[in-house]
Amino acid sequence: MGLLAALAVNIIGGAVIYLTGGLLLPLVAPMLGFGAAGIGAGTTAAAAQAYYGNLVAGSIISKLTAAAMLAPTP
């Protein structure tokens, strides 16, 4: 599950960030598990973070987390 979750978050999240300029971020981020409080427990984003362990600044997961926390999504 971890590898598939990591691939899904990176491919979908990367497309949202880089191909749409972040315009679809408020729609896609909650579907992946990112929200105003950070990464939700038991979500795809949580599985991806557990797979990677410590994340570096500037990674797609850290960018999605920061963007979701700055522009709160439901």
PDB file of N, CA and C in Angstrom:
ATOM      1  N   MET A   1       0.822  -1.199   0.000  1.00  0.00           N
ATOM      2  CA  MET A   1       0.000   0.000   0.000  1.00  0.00           C
ATOM      3  C   MET A   1       0.863   1.258   0.000  1.00  0.00           C
ATOM      4  N   GLY A   2       1.969   1.239   0.717  1.00  0.00           N
ATOM      5  CA  GLY A   2       2.802   2.431   0.839  1.00  0.00           C
ATOM      6  C   GLY A   2       3.376   2.907  -0.483  1.00  0.00           C
ATOM      7  N   LEU A   3       3.916   1.984  -1.274  1.00  0.00           N
ATOM      8  CA  LEU A   3       4.498   2.367  -2.556  1.00  0.00           C
ATOM      9  C   LEU A   3       3.429   2.908  -3.494  1.00  0.00           C
ATOM     10  N   LEU A   4       2.278   2.248  -3.556  1.00  0.00           N
ATOM     11  CA  LEU A   4       1.197   2.718  -4.422  1.00  0.00           C
ATOM     12  C   LEU A   4       0.682   4.079  -3.971  1.00  0.00           C
ATOM     13  N   ALA A   5       0.581   4.272  -2.673  1.00  0.00           N
ATOM     14  CA  ALA A   5       0.138   5.567  -2.150  1.00  0.00           C
ATOM     15  C   ALA A   5       1.151   6.652  -2.479  1.00  0.00           C
ATOM     16  N   ALA A   6       2.429   6.341  -2.332  1.00  0.00           N
ATOM     17  CA  ALA A   6       3.478   7.310  -2.644  1.00  0.00           C
ATOM     18  C   ALA A   6       3.450   7.690  -4.117  1.00  0.00           C
ATOM     19  N   LEU A   7       3.275   6.704  -4.971  1.00  0.00           N
ATOM     20  CA  LEU A   7       3.192   6.982  -6.407  1.00  0.00           C
ATOM     21  C   LEU A   7       1.970   7.827  -6.731  1.00  0.00           C
ATOM     22  N   ALA A   8       0.830   7.487  -6.144  1.00  0.00           N
ATOM     23  CA  ALA A   8      -0.408   8.230  -6.411  1.00  0.00           C
ATOM     24  C   ALA A   8      -0.282   9.680  -5.959  1.00  0.00           C
ATOM     25  N   VAL A   9       0.224   9.891  -4.754  1.00  0.00           N
ATOM     26  CA  VAL A   9       0.355  11.257  -4.238  1.00  0.00           C
ATOM     27  C   VAL A   9       1.339  12.050  -5.086  1.00  0.00           C
ATOM     28  N   ASN A  10       2.440  11.449  -5.463  1.00  0.00           N
ATOM     29  CA  ASN A  10       3.438  12.178  -6.247  1.00  0.00           C
ATOM     30  C   ASN A  10       2.976  12.457  -7.670  1.00  0.00           C
ATOM     31  N   ILE A  11       2.332  11.514  -8.302  1.00  0.00           N
ATOM     32  CA  ILE A  11       1.877  11.726  -9.681  1.00  0.00           C
ATOM     33  C   ILE A  11       0.709  12.708  -9.719  1.00  0.00           C
ATOM     34  N   ILE A  12      -0.304  12.455  -8.905  1.00  0.00           N
ATOM     35  CA  ILE A  12      -1.476  13.329  -8.906  1.00  0.00           C
ATOM     36  C   ILE A  12      -1.123  14.698  -8.326  1.00  0.00           C
ATOM     37  N   GLY A  13      -0.432  14.699  -7.193  1.00  0.00           N
ATOM     38  CA  GLY A  13      -0.046  15.966  -6.580  1.00  0.00           C
ATOM     39  C   GLY A  13       0.882  16.784  -7.453  1.00  0.00           C
ATOM     40  N   GLY A  14       1.824  16.116  -8.081  1.00  0.00           N
ATOM     41  CA  GLY A  14       2.740  16.818  -8.981  1.00  0.00           C
ATOM     42  C   GLY A  14       2.021  17.435 -10.165  1.00  0.00           C
ATOM     43  N   ALA A  15       1.054  16.706 -10.707  1.00  0.00           N
ATOM     44  CA  ALA A  15       0.269  17.242 -11.818  1.00  0.00           C
ATOM     45  C   ALA A  15      -0.536  18.458 -11.382  1.00  0.00           C
ATOM     46  N   VAL A  16      -1.110  18.381 -10.189  1.00  0.00           N
ATOM     47  CA  VAL A  16      -1.903  19.513  -9.684  1.00  0.00           C
ATOM     48  C   VAL A  16      -1.025  20.735  -9.456  1.00  0.00           C
ATOM     49  N   ILE A  17       0.147  20.526  -8.899  1.00  0.00           N
ATOM     50  CA  ILE A  17       1.035  21.654  -8.603  1.00  0.00           C
ATOM     51  C   ILE A  17       1.648  22.228  -9.877  1.00  0.00           C
ATOM     52  N   TYR A  18       2.208  21.370 -10.709  1.00  0.00           N
ATOM     53  CA  TYR A  18       3.002  21.855 -11.828  1.00  0.00           C
ATOM     54  C   TYR A  18       2.222  22.056 -13.129  1.00  0.00           C
ATOM     55  N   LEU A  19       1.204  21.256 -13.386  1.00  0.00           N
ATOM     56  CA  LEU A  19       0.484  21.391 -14.647  1.00  0.00           C
ATOM     57  C   LEU A  19      -0.680  22.375 -14.564  1.00  0.00           C
ATOM     58  N   THR A  20      -1.277  22.524 -13.387  1.00  0.00           N
ATOM     59  CA  THR A  20      -2.406  23.453 -13.250  1.00  0.00           C
ATOM     60  C   THR A  20      -2.020  24.708 -12.488  1.00  0.00           C
ATOM     61  N   GLY A  21      -0.784  24.799 -12.054  1.00  0.00           N
ATOM     62  CA  GLY A  21      -0.355  25.955 -11.288  1.00  0.00           C
ATOM     63  C   GLY A  21      -1.007  26.036  -9.919  1.00  0.00           C
ATOM     64  N   GLY A  22      -1.506  24.912  -9.429  1.00  0.00           N
ATOM     65  CA  GLY A  22      -2.138  24.872  -8.122  1.00  0.00           C
ATOM     66  C   GLY A  22      -3.605  25.256  -8.119  1.00  0.00           C
ATOM     67  N   LEU A  23      -4.185  25.503  -9.284  1.00  0.00           N
ATOM     68  CA  LEU A  23      -5.586  25.913  -9.344  1.00  0.00           C
ATOM     69  C   LEU A  23      -6.543  24.827  -8.862  1.00  0.00           C
ATOM     70  N   LEU A  24      -6.208  23.580  -9.076  1.00  0.00           N
ATOM     71  CA  LEU A  24      -7.075  22.482  -8.650  1.00  0.00           C
ATOM     72  C   LEU A  24      -6.743  21.975  -7.255  1.00  0.00           C
ATOM     73  N   LEU A  25      -5.787  22.604  -6.608  1.00  0.00           N
ATOM     74  CA  LEU A  25      -5.356  22.156  -5.293  1.00  0.00           C
ATOM     75  C   LEU A  25      -6.488  22.076  -4.263  1.00  0.00           C
ATOM     76  N   PRO A  26      -7.374  23.069  -4.185  1.00  0.00           N
ATOM     77  CA  PRO A  26      -8.463  22.968  -3.199  1.00  0.00           C
ATOM     78  C   PRO A  26      -9.419  21.788  -3.442  1.00  0.00           C
ATOM     79  N   LEU A  27      -9.464  21.289  -4.658  1.00  0.00           N
ATOM     80  CA  LEU A  27     -10.320  20.145  -4.961  1.00  0.00           C
ATOM     81  C   LEU A  27      -9.617  18.812  -4.746  1.00  0.00           C
ATOM     82  N   VAL A  28      -8.359  18.746  -5.101  1.00  0.00           N
ATOM     83  CA  VAL A  28      -7.630  17.478  -5.088  1.00  0.00           C
ATOM     84  C   VAL A  28      -6.986  17.173  -3.739  1.00  0.00           C
ATOM     85  N   ALA A  29      -6.478  18.186  -3.053  1.00  0.00           N
ATOM     86  CA  ALA A  29      -5.774  17.962  -1.791  1.00  0.00           C
ATOM     87  C   ALA A  29      -6.615  17.196  -0.768  1.00  0.00           C
ATOM     88  N   PRO A  30      -7.880  17.562  -0.536  1.00  0.00           N
ATOM     89  CA  PRO A  30      -8.667  16.792   0.436  1.00  0.00           C
ATOM     90  C   PRO A  30      -8.909  15.343   0.008  1.00  0.00           C
ATOM     91  N   MET A  31      -8.974  15.096  -1.289  1.00  0.00           N
ATOM     92  CA  MET A  31      -9.164  13.727  -1.770  1.00  0.00           C
ATOM     93  C   MET A  31      -7.965  12.844  -1.451  1.00  0.00           C
ATOM     94  N   LEU A  32      -6.786  13.447  -1.417  1.00  0.00           N
ATOM     95  CA  LEU A  32      -5.565  12.703  -1.114  1.00  0.00           C
ATOM     96  C   LEU A  32      -5.307  12.599   0.383  1.00  0.00           C
ATOM     97  N   GLY A  33      -5.947  13.466   1.171  1.00  0.00           N
ATOM     98  CA  GLY A  33      -5.775  13.410   2.620  1.00  0.00           C
ATOM     99  C   GLY A  33      -5.081  14.605   3.234  1.00  0.00           C
ATOM    100  N   PHE A  34      -4.914  15.681   2.473  1.00  0.00           N
ATOM    101  CA  PHE A  34      -4.299  16.896   2.984  1.00  0.00           C
ATOM    102  C   PHE A  34      -5.392  17.858   3.408  1.00  0.00           C
ATOM    103  N   GLY A  35      -5.208  18.505   4.552  1.00  0.00           N
ATOM    104  CA  GLY A  35      -6.203  19.446   5.039  1.00  0.00           C
ATOM    105  C   GLY A  35      -5.579  20.560   5.847  1.00  0.00           C
ATOM    106  N   ALA A  36      -6.428  21.372   6.461  1.00  0.00           N
ATOM    107  CA  ALA A  36      -5.966  22.531   7.227  1.00  0.00           C
ATOM    108  C   ALA A  36      -5.121  22.127   8.431  1.00  0.00           C
ATOM    109  N   ALA A  37      -5.353  20.948   8.967  1.00  0.00           N
ATOM    110  CA  ALA A  37      -4.593  20.472  10.134  1.00  0.00           C
ATOM    111  C   ALA A  37      -3.373  19.645   9.735  1.00  0.00           C
ATOM    112  N   GLY A  38      -3.123  19.501   8.448  1.00  0.00           N
ATOM    113  CA  GLY A  38      -1.997  18.699   7.970  1.00  0.00           C
ATOM    114  C   GLY A  38      -2.489  17.436   7.281  1.00  0.00           C
ATOM    115  N   ILE A  39      -1.734  16.378   7.402  1.00  0.00           N
ATOM    116  CA  ILE A  39      -2.075  15.099   6.769  1.00  0.00           C
ATOM    117  C   ILE A  39      -3.006  14.334   7.703  1.00  0.00           C
ATOM    118  N   GLY A  40      -4.135  13.903   7.177  1.00  0.00           N
ATOM    119  CA  GLY A  40      -5.115  13.177   7.977  1.00  0.00           C
ATOM    120  C   GLY A  40      -4.708  11.733   8.204  1.00  0.00           C
ATOM    121  N   ALA A  41      -5.037  11.215   9.376  1.00  0.00           N
ATOM    122  CA  ALA A  41      -4.713   9.825   9.715  1.00  0.00           C
ATOM    123  C   ALA A  41      -5.512   8.861   8.853  1.00  0.00           C
ATOM    124  N   GLY A  42      -4.858   7.812   8.383  1.00  0.00           N
ATOM    125  CA  GLY A  42      -5.516   6.771   7.611  1.00  0.00           C
ATOM    126  C   GLY A  42      -5.798   7.127   6.164  1.00  0.00           C
ATOM    127  N   THR A  43      -5.216   8.199   5.668  1.00  0.00           N
ATOM    128  CA  THR A  43      -5.452   8.627   4.291  1.00  0.00           C
ATOM    129  C   THR A  43      -4.326   8.170   3.373  1.00  0.00           C
ATOM    130  N   THR A  44      -4.516   8.403   2.091  1.00  0.00           N
ATOM    131  CA  THR A  44      -3.485   8.078   1.114  1.00  0.00           C
ATOM    132  C   THR A  44      -2.215   8.873   1.394  1.00  0.00           C
ATOM    133  N   ALA A  45      -2.382  10.135   1.773  1.00  0.00           N
ATOM    134  CA  ALA A  45      -1.220  10.966   2.087  1.00  0.00           C
ATOM    135  C   ALA A  45      -0.460  10.422   3.290  1.00  0.00           C
ATOM    136  N   ALA A  46      -1.178   9.915   4.283  1.00  0.00           N
ATOM    137  CA  ALA A  46      -0.530   9.342   5.466  1.00  0.00           C
ATOM    138  C   ALA A  46       0.252   8.086   5.100  1.00  0.00           C
ATOM    139  N   ALA A  47      -0.309   7.263   4.219  1.00  0.00           N
ATOM    140  CA  ALA A  47       0.392   6.056   3.775  1.00  0.00           C
ATOM    141  C   ALA A  47       1.651   6.417   2.996  1.00  0.00           C
ATOM    142  N   ALA A  48       1.566   7.466   2.177  1.00  0.00           N
ATOM    143  CA  ALA A  48       2.735   7.902   1.421  1.00  0.00           C
ATOM    144  C   ALA A  48       3.811   8.435   2.351  1.00  0.00           C
ATOM    145  N   GLN A  49       3.426   9.217   3.350  1.00  0.00           N
ATOM    146  CA  GLN A  49       4.405   9.751   4.294  1.00  0.00           C
ATOM    147  C   GLN A  49       5.040   8.630   5.117  1.00  0.00           C
ATOM    148  N   ALA A  50       4.253   7.647   5.499  1.00  0.00           N
ATOM    149  CA  ALA A  50       4.794   6.509   6.248  1.00  0.00           C
ATOM    150  C   ALA A  50       5.784   5.717   5.390  1.00  0.00           C
ATOM    151  N   TYR A  51       5.516   5.628   4.093  1.00  0.00           N
ATOM    152  CA  TYR A  51       6.415   4.918   3.196  1.00  0.00           C
ATOM    153  C   TYR A  51       7.765   5.645   3.093  1.00  0.00           C
ATOM    154  N   TYR A  52       7.716   6.975   2.976  1.00  0.00           N
ATOM    155  CA  TYR A  52       8.945   7.751   2.820  1.00  0.00           C
ATOM    156  C   TYR A  52       9.692   7.957   4.126  1.00  0.00           C
ATOM    157  N   GLY A  53       8.976   8.070   5.226  1.00  0.00           N
ATOM    158  CA  GLY A  53       9.632   8.404   6.486  1.00  0.00           C
ATOM    159  C   GLY A  53       9.822   9.901   6.571  1.00  0.00           C
ATOM    160  N   ASN A  54      11.036  10.345   6.879  1.00  0.00           N
ATOM    161  CA  ASN A  54      11.316  11.778   6.948  1.00  0.00           C
ATOM    162  C   ASN A  54      11.300  12.374   5.549  1.00  0.00           C
ATOM    163  N   LEU A  55      10.571  13.463   5.399  1.00  0.00           N
ATOM    164  CA  LEU A  55      10.459  14.130   4.107  1.00  0.00           C
ATOM    165  C   LEU A  55      11.366  15.349   4.067  1.00  0.00           C
ATOM    166  N   VAL A  56      11.891  15.642   2.910  1.00  0.00           N
ATOM    167  CA  VAL A  56      12.742  16.820   2.760  1.00  0.00           C
ATOM    168  C   VAL A  56      11.897  18.010   2.331  1.00  0.00           C
ATOM    169  N   ALA A  57      12.361  19.189   2.683  1.00  0.00           N
ATOM    170  CA  ALA A  57      11.683  20.412   2.260  1.00  0.00           C
ATOM    171  C   ALA A  57      11.721  20.502   0.737  1.00  0.00           C
ATOM    172  N   GLY A  58      10.607  20.914   0.162  1.00  0.00           N
ATOM    173  CA  GLY A  58      10.535  21.053  -1.284  1.00  0.00           C
ATOM    174  C   GLY A  58       9.994  19.834  -2.004  1.00  0.00           C
ATOM    175  N   SER A  59       9.753  18.734  -1.284  1.00  0.00           N
ATOM    176  CA  SER A  59       9.173  17.565  -1.930  1.00  0.00           C
ATOM    177  C   SER A  59       7.704  17.828  -2.237  1.00  0.00           C
ATOM    178  N   ILE A  60       7.125  17.034  -3.098  1.00  0.00           N
ATOM    179  CA  ILE A  60       5.729  17.230  -3.491  1.00  0.00           C
ATOM    180  C   ILE A  60       4.810  17.095  -2.286  1.00  0.00           C
ATOM    181  N   ILE A  61       5.081  16.133  -1.419  1.00  0.00           N
ATOM    182  CA  ILE A  61       4.226  15.956  -0.236  1.00  0.00           C
ATOM    183  C   ILE A  61       4.325  17.168   0.680  1.00  0.00           C
ATOM    184  N   SER A  62       5.512  17.712   0.872  1.00  0.00           N
ATOM    185  CA  SER A  62       5.643  18.880   1.740  1.00  0.00           C
ATOM    186  C   SER A  62       4.993  20.108   1.109  1.00  0.00           C
ATOM    187  N   LYS A  63       5.063  20.232  -0.210  1.00  0.00           N
ATOM    188  CA  LYS A  63       4.400  21.347  -0.889  1.00  0.00           C
ATOM    189  C   LYS A  63       2.883  21.227  -0.783  1.00  0.00           C
ATOM    190  N   LEU A  64       2.355  20.023  -0.950  1.00  0.00           N
ATOM    191  CA  LEU A  64       0.905  19.825  -0.808  1.00  0.00           C
ATOM    192  C   LEU A  64       0.437  20.099   0.615  1.00  0.00           C
ATOM    193  N   THR A  65       1.221  19.661   1.591  1.00  0.00           N
ATOM    194  CA  THR A  65       0.867  19.909   2.990  1.00  0.00           C
ATOM    195  C   THR A  65       0.842  21.397   3.282  1.00  0.00           C
ATOM    196  N   ALA A  66       1.877  22.097   2.869  1.00  0.00           N
ATOM    197  CA  ALA A  66       1.959  23.536   3.124  1.00  0.00           C
ATOM    198  C   ALA A  66       0.834  24.294   2.415  1.00  0.00           C
ATOM    199  N   ALA A  67       0.561  23.940   1.181  1.00  0.00           N
ATOM    200  CA  ALA A  67      -0.497  24.628   0.443  1.00  0.00           C
ATOM    201  C   ALA A  67      -1.868  24.375   1.054  1.00  0.00           C
ATOM    202  N   ALA A  68      -2.134  23.149   1.490  1.00  0.00           N
ATOM    203  CA  ALA A  68      -3.419  22.837   2.098  1.00  0.00           C
ATOM    204  C   ALA A  68      -3.581  23.529   3.443  1.00  0.00           C
ATOM    205  N   MET A  69      -2.476  23.720   4.156  1.00  0.00           N
ATOM    206  CA  MET A  69      -2.552  24.398   5.457  1.00  0.00           C
ATOM    207  C   MET A  69      -2.680  25.913   5.296  1.00  0.00           C
ATOM    208  N   LEU A  70      -2.142  26.474   4.221  1.00  0.00           N
ATOM    209  CA  LEU A  70      -2.265  27.909   3.989  1.00  0.00           C
ATOM    210  C   LEU A  70      -3.631  28.290   3.445  1.00  0.00           C
ATOM    211  N   ALA A  71      -4.152  27.460   2.557  1.00  0.00           N
ATOM    212  CA  ALA A  71      -5.480  27.703   1.977  1.00  0.00           C
ATOM    213  C   ALA A  71      -6.369  26.565   2.446  1.00  0.00           C
ATOM    214  N   PRO A  72      -6.935  26.690   3.646  1.00  0.00           N
ATOM    215  CA  PRO A  72      -7.683  25.581   4.235  1.00  0.00           C
ATOM    216  C   PRO A  72      -8.775  25.035   3.316  1.00  0.00           C
ATOM    217  N   THR A  73      -8.825  23.738   3.258  1.00  0.00           N
ATOM    218  CA  THR A  73      -9.833  23.042   2.472  1.00  0.00           C
ATOM    219  C   THR A  73     -10.762  22.302   3.427  1.00  0.00           C
ATOM    220  N   PRO A  74     -11.962  22.057   3.032  1.00  0.00           N
ATOM    221  CA  PRO A  74     -12.903  21.382   3.948  1.00  0.00           C
ATOM    222  C   PRO A  74     -12.516  19.968   4.286  1.00  0.00           C
TER     223      PRO A  74
END
